[in-house]
């Protein structure tokens, strides 16, 4: 399956769990997962861009 079916009551928790597994080791270090969003942060533009590259390459 490439998409979760509409109406699936546990879809947000399934996505969150899958992203937690896929991004293990990076979570809370350079980003965190909130519902269906990935929030990437850095203390400067350069660090933020490096964090984005790490997350997107994962």
Protein backbone atom coordinates (compact mmCIF):
# COMPACT_ATOMS: atom_id res chain seq x y z
CA UNK A 1 0.00 0.00 0.00
CA UNK A 2 1.34 3.45 -0.84
CA UNK A 3 -1.53 5.34 0.79
CA UNK A 4 -3.68 4.77 3.82
CA UNK A 5 -7.33 4.14 3.01
CA UNK A 6 -9.80 6.94 3.70
CA UNK A 7 -11.88 6.37 6.78
CA UNK A 8 -9.23 4.33 8.55
CA UNK A 9 -9.64 5.47 12.15
CA UNK A 10 -6.07 4.70 13.15
CA UNK A 11 -4.45 6.32 10.08
CA UNK A 12 -2.71 9.14 12.02
CA UNK A 13 -1.20 6.75 14.54
CA UNK A 14 -0.13 4.33 11.78
CA UNK A 15 1.63 7.16 9.93
CA UNK A 16 3.24 8.49 13.10
CA UNK A 17 4.52 5.03 14.03
CA UNK A 18 5.90 4.43 10.52
CA UNK A 19 7.70 7.79 10.52
CA UNK A 20 9.10 7.15 14.00
CA UNK A 21 10.56 3.85 12.79
CA UNK A 22 11.86 5.30 9.52
CA UNK A 23 13.47 8.29 11.21
CA UNK A 24 14.90 6.54 14.26
CA UNK A 25 18.05 8.21 15.51
CA UNK A 26 17.12 11.62 14.13
CA UNK A 27 13.87 12.23 15.99
CA UNK A 28 14.11 15.01 18.62
CA UNK A 29 17.73 15.65 17.57
CA UNK A 30 17.09 17.70 14.42
CA UNK A 31 13.34 17.37 13.98
CA UNK A 32 10.18 15.96 15.49
CA UNK A 33 6.99 14.41 14.23
CA UNK A 34 3.65 16.03 15.02
CA UNK A 35 0.62 14.14 13.70
CA UNK A 36 1.28 14.19 9.94
CA UNK A 37 4.00 16.87 9.92
CA UNK A 38 7.77 16.69 10.10
CA UNK A 39 9.11 19.79 11.84
CA UNK A 40 12.80 20.37 11.08
CA UNK A 41 14.77 22.91 13.07
CA UNK A 42 18.24 24.42 13.29
CA UNK A 43 19.88 27.36 15.01
CA UNK A 44 21.08 28.91 11.73
CA UNK A 45 20.16 28.70 8.07
CA UNK A 46 23.20 26.51 7.37
CA UNK A 47 22.35 24.04 10.16
CA UNK A 48 18.71 24.01 9.11
CA UNK A 49 19.65 23.14 5.53
CA UNK A 50 21.96 20.34 6.74
CA UNK A 51 19.11 18.97 8.86
CA UNK A 52 16.76 19.10 5.86
CA UNK A 53 19.25 17.14 3.76
CA UNK A 54 19.54 14.46 6.48
CA UNK A 55 15.76 14.14 6.83
CA UNK A 56 15.07 14.11 3.09
CA UNK A 57 17.83 11.59 2.38
CA UNK A 58 16.37 9.25 4.98
